[in-house]
Amino acid sequence: GFLVIFFLFNIVRHISYKMRLWLVIGLLVGVVLQSATASNNRTNRVKRQFEAGPCDPSTCRIPDCYCGGSDIPGGYSPDEIPQFVLLTFDDAVNDLNQAFYEDLFKDRYNPNGCPIKATFYISHEWSDYGQIQDLYADGHEIASHTVTHSFGTNFNEEKWANEVVGEAEMLVRFGGVNPADIKGMRAPFLAIGGDKMFNMLS
């Protein structure tokens, strides 16, 4: 940025006043056009969202399609449908949250009598792997939340692998987690890394 400004400054100081005026007008027109284009793109995106036609339940059928709404698919009544609550936690496990987890899981059971469990997406920094091992031994799922907990939107496939697989390897080595039990991962800040992240996972 600085080099571009320095370069433009050196060019501008060697041209006439009239040329400088035209340069300023040209820059202003460019800024206005760019702003108008961005605004138009936003308007088009919103317009497309509202242009979706009505869903036809005769052609939109489960498992490939579902029109949505408050009706329960398959004609079941509410008391026939199991309710699932998934508990997940992100980031480090350490003394700051250990007591909370102990209290949360103490004497709480599912309707079938089994104790409730959660999935812990672990990032490396500040984690106490001894406490992760305790959670794993208690039957909780342990998964990777990357080593550095960085925004991965600009990661390449190799960087995604280093982050996700690297944390999984530390969970195995330091947390005593069986590698076959590490099934999932969660991108930091839920900022999915596009095709590069999905290619790495495949």
Protein backbone atom coordinates (compact mmCIF):
# COMPACT_ATOMS: atom_id res chain seq x y z
CA GLY A 1 0.00 0.00 0.00
CA PHE A 2 2.71 2.47 0.97
CA LEU A 3 4.73 1.80 -2.19
CA VAL A 4 1.68 2.40 -4.39
CA ILE A 5 0.97 5.72 -2.64
CA PHE A 6 4.65 6.73 -2.93
CA PHE A 7 4.67 5.81 -6.63
CA LEU A 8 1.46 7.77 -7.32
CA PHE A 9 2.73 10.76 -5.36
CA ASN A 10 5.90 10.88 -7.49
CA ILE A 11 3.86 10.70 -10.69
CA VAL A 12 1.33 13.32 -9.57
CA ARG A 13 3.93 15.92 -8.59
CA HIS A 14 5.35 15.90 -12.13
CA ILE A 15 2.06 16.50 -13.96
CA SER A 16 0.15 19.72 -14.53
CA TYR A 17 -2.64 21.04 -12.33
CA LYS A 18 -5.24 20.19 -14.99
CA MET A 19 -3.98 16.59 -15.22
CA ARG A 20 -4.08 16.29 -11.42
CA LEU A 21 -7.69 17.47 -11.44
CA TRP A 22 -8.61 14.83 -14.05
CA LEU A 23 -6.79 12.18 -12.01
CA VAL A 24 -8.77 13.08 -8.87
CA ILE A 25 -12.04 13.05 -10.85
CA GLY A 26 -11.14 9.66 -12.32
CA LEU A 27 -10.37 8.23 -8.88
CA LEU A 28 -13.65 9.55 -7.46
CA VAL A 29 -15.63 8.07 -10.36
CA GLY A 30 -13.89 4.72 -9.78
CA VAL A 31 -14.77 4.75 -6.08
CA VAL A 32 -18.41 5.65 -6.81
CA LEU A 33 -18.70 2.93 -9.48
CA GLN A 34 -17.16 0.32 -7.19
CA SER A 35 -19.54 1.28 -4.39
CA ALA A 36 -22.53 1.13 -6.75
CA THR A 37 -21.46 -2.29 -8.04
CA ALA A 38 -21.11 -3.65 -4.49
CA SER A 39 -24.53 -2.26 -3.56
CA ASN A 40 -26.06 -3.74 -6.73
CA ASN A 41 -24.53 -7.16 -5.93
CA ARG A 42 -26.07 -7.05 -2.44
CA THR A 43 -29.46 -6.09 -3.89
CA ASN A 44 -29.30 -8.91 -6.45
CA ARG A 45 -28.38 -11.44 -3.78
CA VAL A 46 -31.31 -10.40 -1.59
CA LYS A 47 -33.63 -10.38 -4.62
CA ARG A 48 -32.59 -13.94 -5.57
CA GLN A 49 -33.36 -15.12 -2.04
CA PHE A 50 -36.95 -13.96 -2.42
CA GLU A 51 -37.37 -15.30 -5.97
CA ALA A 52 -37.39 -18.95 -4.92
CA GLY A 53 -40.62 -20.55 -6.02
CA PRO A 54 -42.97 -22.42 -3.72
CA CYS A 55 -41.91 -25.92 -2.75
CA ASP A 56 -44.02 -28.72 -4.27
CA PRO A 57 -44.35 -31.64 -1.79
CA SER A 58 -45.36 -33.96 -4.62
CA THR A 59 -41.92 -33.63 -6.22
CA CYS A 60 -39.85 -32.68 -3.16
CA ARG A 61 -39.68 -35.92 -1.17
CA ILE A 62 -37.51 -37.26 1.64
CA PRO A 63 -34.65 -38.29 1.66
CA ASP A 64 -33.59 -36.04 -1.26
CA CYS A 65 -35.78 -33.06 -0.56
CA TYR A 66 -38.08 -31.67 2.14
CA CYS A 67 -40.21 -28.55 1.86
CA GLY A 68 -39.90 -27.71 5.53
CA GLY A 69 -42.57 -26.38 7.82
CA SER A 70 -44.04 -27.48 11.13
CA ASP A 71 -45.37 -30.87 9.95
CA ILE A 72 -43.45 -33.94 11.12
CA PRO A 73 -42.17 -35.97 8.15
CA GLY A 74 -43.65 -39.44 7.72
CA GLY A 75 -46.94 -38.66 9.46
CA TYR A 76 -45.61 -39.42 12.95
CA SER A 77 -47.05 -37.85 16.08
CA PRO A 78 -44.75 -35.78 18.35
CA ASP A 79 -44.64 -38.47 21.04
CA GLU A 80 -43.29 -40.97 18.46
CA ILE A 81 -40.31 -38.78 17.52
CA PRO A 82 -37.16 -38.99 19.63
CA GLN A 83 -35.72 -35.69 20.68
CA PHE A 84 -31.97 -35.26 20.40
CA VAL A 85 -29.89 -32.69 22.22
CA LEU A 86 -26.26 -32.60 21.18
CA LEU A 87 -23.82 -31.06 23.63
CA THR A 88 -20.60 -29.78 22.11
CA PHE A 89 -17.80 -27.67 23.54
CA ASP A 90 -14.93 -25.93 21.78
CA ASP A 91 -11.38 -24.99 22.66
CA ALA A 92 -9.18 -25.82 25.61
CA VAL A 93 -9.99 -28.11 28.52
CA ASN A 94 -8.24 -27.02 31.72
CA ASP A 95 -8.74 -25.93 35.32
CA LEU A 96 -10.91 -22.99 34.22
CA ASN A 97 -13.70 -25.27 32.98
CA GLN A 98 -13.06 -28.61 34.70
CA ALA A 99 -15.42 -27.90 37.63
CA PHE A 100 -18.14 -26.79 35.22
CA TYR A 101 -17.90 -30.05 33.28
CA GLU A 102 -17.89 -32.14 36.45
CA ASP A 103 -21.03 -30.38 37.68
CA LEU A 104 -22.75 -30.55 34.29
CA PHE A 105 -22.32 -34.29 33.83
CA LYS A 106 -22.80 -35.33 37.47
CA ASP A 107 -26.00 -37.34 38.05
CA ARG A 108 -27.57 -36.46 34.67
CA TYR A 109 -28.98 -39.28 32.59
CA ASN A 110 -30.77 -39.90 29.33
CA PRO A 111 -34.27 -41.45 29.43
CA ASN A 112 -32.66 -44.86 28.79
CA GLY A 113 -30.62 -44.53 32.00
CA CYS A 114 -27.26 -43.86 30.31
CA PRO A 115 -25.27 -40.87 31.54
CA ILE A 116 -25.26 -37.86 29.22
CA LYS A 117 -22.19 -37.32 27.06
CA ALA A 118 -20.78 -34.53 24.92
CA THR A 119 -18.33 -33.93 22.09
CA PHE A 120 -15.28 -31.84 22.93
CA TYR A 121 -13.58 -30.08 19.99
CA ILE A 122 -10.11 -29.49 21.40
CA SER A 123 -7.60 -26.84 20.42
CA HIS A 124 -4.04 -27.19 21.70
CA GLU A 125 -3.26 -23.91 23.42
CA TRP A 126 -4.05 -23.92 27.16
CA SER A 127 -5.30 -27.53 27.08
CA ASP A 128 -4.52 -29.91 29.92
CA TYR A 129 -4.25 -33.28 28.19
CA GLY A 130 -4.60 -35.12 31.50
CA GLN A 131 -8.08 -33.64 31.87
CA ILE A 132 -8.85 -34.48 28.23
CA GLN A 133 -7.86 -38.05 29.00
CA ASP A 134 -10.28 -38.05 31.96
CA LEU A 135 -13.15 -36.85 29.73
CA TYR A 136 -12.32 -39.49 27.13
CA ALA A 137 -12.18 -42.20 29.81
CA ASP A 138 -15.64 -41.06 30.99
CA GLY A 139 -17.01 -41.79 27.50
CA HIS A 140 -17.10 -38.34 25.92
CA GLU A 141 -16.20 -37.90 22.26
CA ILE A 142 -12.97 -36.04 21.61
CA ALA A 143 -12.33 -34.30 18.28
CA SER A 144 -9.93 -31.83 16.68
CA HIS A 145 -10.47 -28.07 16.76
CA THR A 146 -7.00 -27.36 15.27
CA VAL A 147 -3.66 -26.67 16.89
CA THR A 148 -3.57 -22.86 16.82
CA HIS A 149 -7.29 -21.98 16.67
CA SER A 150 -6.63 -19.58 13.78
CA PHE A 151 -9.00 -18.34 11.08
CA GLY A 152 -8.53 -20.88 8.29
CA THR A 153 -10.28 -19.10 5.46
CA ASN A 154 -6.94 -18.56 3.68
CA PHE A 155 -5.31 -21.88 4.60
CA ASN A 156 -4.15 -24.18 1.82
CA GLU A 157 -4.75 -27.94 2.09
CA GLU A 158 -1.36 -28.56 3.69
CA LYS A 159 -1.98 -25.95 6.40
CA TRP A 160 -5.45 -27.40 7.10
CA ALA A 161 -3.89 -30.87 7.43
CA ASN A 162 -1.19 -29.57 9.77
CA GLU A 163 -3.81 -27.90 11.97
CA VAL A 164 -6.49 -30.62 12.06
CA VAL A 165 -4.36 -33.75 11.88
CA GLY A 166 -1.70 -32.16 14.08
CA GLU A 167 -4.20 -31.66 16.88
CA ALA A 168 -5.59 -35.17 16.40
CA GLU A 169 -2.07 -36.56 16.76
CA MET A 170 -1.58 -34.61 19.99
CA LEU A 171 -4.89 -35.94 21.32
CA VAL A 172 -3.61 -39.46 20.67
CA ARG A 173 -0.11 -38.88 22.05
CA PHE A 174 -0.85 -36.68 25.07
CA GLY A 175 -4.54 -37.34 25.75
CA GLY A 176 -4.52 -41.11 25.32
CA VAL A 177 -7.36 -40.98 22.78
CA ASN A 178 -7.63 -43.98 20.45
CA PRO A 179 -7.02 -42.67 16.89
CA ALA A 180 -10.01 -44.69 15.65
CA ASP A 181 -12.25 -42.74 18.04
CA ILE A 182 -11.36 -39.32 16.57
CA LYS A 183 -14.11 -38.98 13.98
CA GLY A 184 -14.72 -35.30 13.65
CA MET A 185 -13.31 -31.81 13.56
CA ARG A 186 -14.65 -28.30 13.87
CA ALA A 187 -13.19 -25.26 12.15
CA PRO A 188 -12.22 -22.45 14.54
CA PHE A 189 -14.87 -19.73 14.82
CA LEU A 190 -17.04 -22.05 12.65
CA ALA A 191 -15.26 -20.39 9.70
CA ILE A 192 -15.33 -23.20 7.15
CA GLY A 193 -12.31 -23.29 4.86
CA GLY A 194 -14.11 -24.03 1.60
CA ASP A 195 -12.89 -26.64 -0.88
CA LYS A 196 -9.37 -26.65 0.55
CA MET A 197 -10.63 -27.77 3.94
CA PHE A 198 -13.02 -30.36 2.47
CA ASN A 199 -10.32 -31.72 0.10
CA MET A 200 -8.03 -32.16 3.10
CA LEU A 201 -10.76 -34.06 4.97
CA SER A 202 -11.38 -36.41 2.05
